Amino acid sequence: MSDVDKNRRETIKEYEDRWIMQPLRGSRVVRTTWLPEEVEFETDTPFRIVVGYGAEMAPRSIAEDSPERHMISHWTRAEVERNVSAPILSPVFFKSGSLRLGLGNGWNLFVSNRHPQVTATVFFGDILMWNRSGMLSPAGFSVVTLDPWTGQRIDAPPWPSRPEDLDIDTDSDDING
């Protein structure tokens, strides 16, 4: 079974405030392209992560005020490429527009909602899956909504259809029918 086939069967976990992109877990950045305004990280799967130079990195800490957290331009290109080459363990994309990638070597890549001018996008092949405005396409992956306290899947019953014999006067100003 290829990595792509394995990834396609995995799900994206949706919580109230974030998505956890399980299919991105375990992938590694294999190529970094330094564009004029952005950095593109290509993985060993069809995923690509593109962030602006205002994205931040830090070893160990996820705190926004950590003294070790700096924009990626703080480090040399070689250091950035080395730091992002570890397996992605925690791919978290927040509904507030932030992202946090936890890497197997202890480094984290961030795009903070405190810096809305910093671009961030995730592609699967040519499909734009996520950007700072939210999940745009699950790209064929299933999205499973989970309860934040129990971790159990939330399956809401389907909304009932309108009864055919319901007599409603649509010309009435009365909101109760």
Protein backbone atom coordinates (compact mmCIF):
# COMPACT_ATOMS: atom_id res chain seq x y z
CA MET A 1 0.00 0.00 0.00
CA SER A 2 1.40 3.38 -0.99
CA ASP A 3 1.61 6.35 1.38
CA VAL A 4 -1.00 8.17 -0.69
CA ASP A 5 -3.47 5.26 -0.39
CA LYS A 6 -2.82 5.06 3.34
CA ASN A 7 -3.31 8.85 3.73
CA ARG A 8 -6.57 8.85 1.76
CA ARG A 9 -8.14 6.46 4.27
CA GLU A 10 -7.29 8.61 7.25
CA THR A 11 -9.49 11.33 8.58
CA ILE A 12 -9.28 14.96 9.48
CA LYS A 13 -10.38 15.41 13.08
CA GLU A 14 -12.52 18.48 13.63
CA TYR A 15 -12.92 20.06 17.04
CA GLU A 16 -14.76 23.21 18.01
CA ASP A 17 -11.71 25.42 17.43
CA ARG A 18 -9.37 23.39 15.20
CA TRP A 19 -8.71 20.66 12.69
CA ILE A 20 -6.09 17.97 13.24
CA MET A 21 -4.93 16.80 9.80
CA GLN A 22 -4.17 13.20 10.58
CA PRO A 23 -3.17 12.42 6.96
CA LEU A 24 -0.28 14.87 7.30
CA ARG A 25 1.12 13.06 10.37
CA GLY A 26 4.36 11.21 9.78
CA SER A 27 5.17 13.03 6.56
CA ARG A 28 8.49 14.84 6.18
CA VAL A 29 9.49 17.97 4.37
CA VAL A 30 11.72 16.83 1.51
CA ARG A 31 12.11 20.12 -0.37
CA THR A 32 12.03 23.75 0.69
CA THR A 33 11.51 26.43 -1.94
CA TRP A 34 12.34 30.00 -0.97
CA LEU A 35 9.97 32.23 -2.94
CA PRO A 36 10.06 36.06 -2.88
CA GLU A 37 7.22 36.39 -0.32
CA GLU A 38 6.75 32.84 0.99
CA VAL A 39 8.44 29.55 1.82
CA GLU A 40 7.03 26.36 0.36
CA PHE A 41 7.57 23.09 2.20
CA GLU A 42 6.96 20.03 0.03
CA THR A 43 6.46 16.76 1.88
CA ASP A 44 7.11 13.16 0.90
CA THR A 45 3.32 12.91 0.40
CA PRO A 46 1.22 15.15 -1.87
CA PHE A 47 0.95 17.75 0.92
CA ARG A 48 2.56 21.18 0.53
CA ILE A 49 2.61 23.85 3.22
CA VAL A 50 3.22 27.44 2.13
CA VAL A 51 3.86 30.17 4.71
CA GLY A 52 4.93 33.78 4.63
CA TYR A 53 8.28 34.88 6.04
CA GLY A 54 6.45 36.09 9.15
CA ALA A 55 5.82 32.48 10.18
CA GLU A 56 7.62 31.59 13.38
CA MET A 57 9.64 28.67 14.70
CA ALA A 58 10.67 27.62 18.17
CA PRO A 59 12.35 24.62 19.74
CA ARG A 60 10.29 22.82 22.38
CA SER A 61 7.91 25.66 23.38
CA ILE A 62 4.50 26.43 21.90
CA ALA A 63 4.05 29.59 24.00
CA GLU A 64 3.52 32.72 21.88
CA ASP A 65 5.75 34.76 24.21
CA SER A 66 8.61 32.24 24.35
CA PRO A 67 11.99 33.99 24.05
CA GLU A 68 13.09 31.19 21.70
CA ARG A 69 10.24 31.85 19.23
CA HIS A 70 11.32 33.88 16.20
CA MET A 71 10.29 34.52 12.60
CA ILE A 72 11.81 32.00 10.24
CA SER A 73 14.02 34.72 8.79
CA HIS A 74 15.84 34.75 12.17
CA TRP A 75 17.58 31.49 11.21
CA THR A 76 19.65 30.69 8.15
CA ARG A 77 17.91 28.86 5.33
CA ALA A 78 19.99 25.75 6.09
CA GLU A 79 18.87 25.82 9.75
CA VAL A 80 15.21 26.17 8.78
CA GLU A 81 15.47 23.33 6.27
CA ARG A 82 17.17 21.10 8.85
CA ASN A 83 14.60 21.94 11.54
CA VAL A 84 11.56 21.20 9.36
CA SER A 85 12.95 17.92 7.99
CA ALA A 86 11.80 15.85 10.99
CA PRO A 87 8.49 13.94 10.80
CA ILE A 88 5.38 16.05 11.35
CA LEU A 89 3.79 14.75 14.55
CA SER A 90 1.15 17.36 15.31
CA PRO A 91 -0.47 19.12 12.33
CA VAL A 92 -2.97 21.54 13.92
CA PHE A 93 -4.90 24.11 11.90
CA PHE A 94 -6.98 26.49 13.99
CA LYS A 95 -10.29 27.99 12.95
CA SER A 96 -8.89 31.35 14.10
CA GLY A 97 -6.46 31.18 11.16
CA SER A 98 -3.40 29.98 13.10
CA LEU A 99 -1.40 26.88 12.41
CA ARG A 100 1.00 24.84 14.51
CA LEU A 101 3.12 22.01 13.19
CA GLY A 102 4.88 20.01 15.87
CA LEU A 103 7.91 18.18 14.51
CA GLY A 104 9.59 15.03 15.76
CA ASN A 105 12.80 16.85 16.66
CA GLY A 106 11.03 19.18 19.10
CA TRP A 107 10.75 22.15 16.75
CA ASN A 108 7.43 23.83 16.00
CA LEU A 109 6.35 25.92 13.03
CA PHE A 110 3.68 28.54 13.75
CA VAL A 111 1.53 31.07 12.00
CA SER A 112 -0.12 33.15 14.70
CA ASN A 113 -3.55 34.75 14.54
CA ARG A 114 -1.83 37.81 16.08
CA HIS A 115 -0.20 38.37 12.66
CA PRO A 116 -3.03 38.23 10.09
CA GLN A 117 -0.82 39.58 7.31
CA VAL A 118 1.28 36.38 7.29
CA THR A 119 0.09 33.99 4.60
CA ALA A 120 -0.45 30.29 5.21
CA THR A 121 -1.92 27.63 2.93
CA VAL A 122 -1.99 23.85 2.75
CA PHE A 123 -2.35 21.97 -0.51
CA PHE A 124 -2.92 18.31 -1.28
CA GLY A 125 -1.64 17.99 -4.81
CA ASP A 126 -3.24 20.94 -6.59
CA ILE A 127 -6.19 21.13 -4.19
CA LEU A 128 -6.18 24.06 -1.77
CA MET A 129 -7.30 22.43 1.48
CA TRP A 130 -6.78 25.12 4.12
CA ASN A 131 -5.87 28.75 4.35
CA ARG A 132 -6.20 31.36 7.09
CA SER A 133 -9.96 31.62 6.42
CA GLY A 134 -10.51 27.92 7.21
CA MET A 135 -10.92 24.49 5.67
CA LEU A 136 -11.73 24.98 2.00
CA SER A 137 -11.72 21.38 0.80
CA PRO A 138 -11.09 18.09 2.57
CA ALA A 139 -9.45 16.87 -0.70
CA GLY A 140 -11.16 13.49 -0.51
CA PHE A 141 -10.36 12.88 3.17
CA SER A 142 -13.26 12.36 5.56
CA VAL A 143 -13.77 14.99 8.24
CA VAL A 144 -14.92 13.64 11.59
CA THR A 145 -16.31 15.99 14.25
CA LEU A 146 -15.18 15.00 17.75
CA ASP A 147 -16.41 15.96 21.19
CA PRO A 148 -13.58 17.89 22.91
CA TRP A 149 -14.16 16.22 26.29
CA THR A 150 -14.69 12.60 25.34
CA GLY A 151 -12.96 12.41 21.97
CA GLN A 152 -16.04 10.55 20.73
CA ARG A 153 -17.40 11.13 17.25
CA ILE A 154 -20.36 13.52 17.06
CA ASP A 155 -23.03 12.25 14.71
CA ALA A 156 -25.98 14.61 14.65
CA PRO A 157 -29.26 13.14 13.44
CA PRO A 158 -30.48 14.47 10.11
CA TRP A 159 -32.71 17.50 10.26
CA PRO A 160 -36.34 16.44 9.71
CA SER A 161 -37.90 17.48 6.44
CA ARG A 162 -40.86 19.84 6.33
CA PRO A 163 -44.20 17.99 6.53
CA GLU A 164 -46.04 18.17 3.22
CA ASP A 165 -49.40 18.82 4.88
CA LEU A 166 -48.16 21.86 6.81
CA ASP A 167 -50.50 24.76 6.05
CA ILE A 168 -48.43 27.95 6.08
CA ASP A 169 -49.70 31.28 4.79
CA THR A 170 -46.53 32.74 3.28
CA ASP A 171 -48.29 36.07 2.67
CA SER A 172 -48.90 36.60 6.40
CA ASP A 173 -46.89 39.07 8.51
CA ASP A 174 -47.39 36.79 11.53
CA ILE A 175 -44.06 35.03 12.20
CA ASN A 176 -45.96 32.14 13.81
CA GLY A 177 -47.80 31.33 10.62
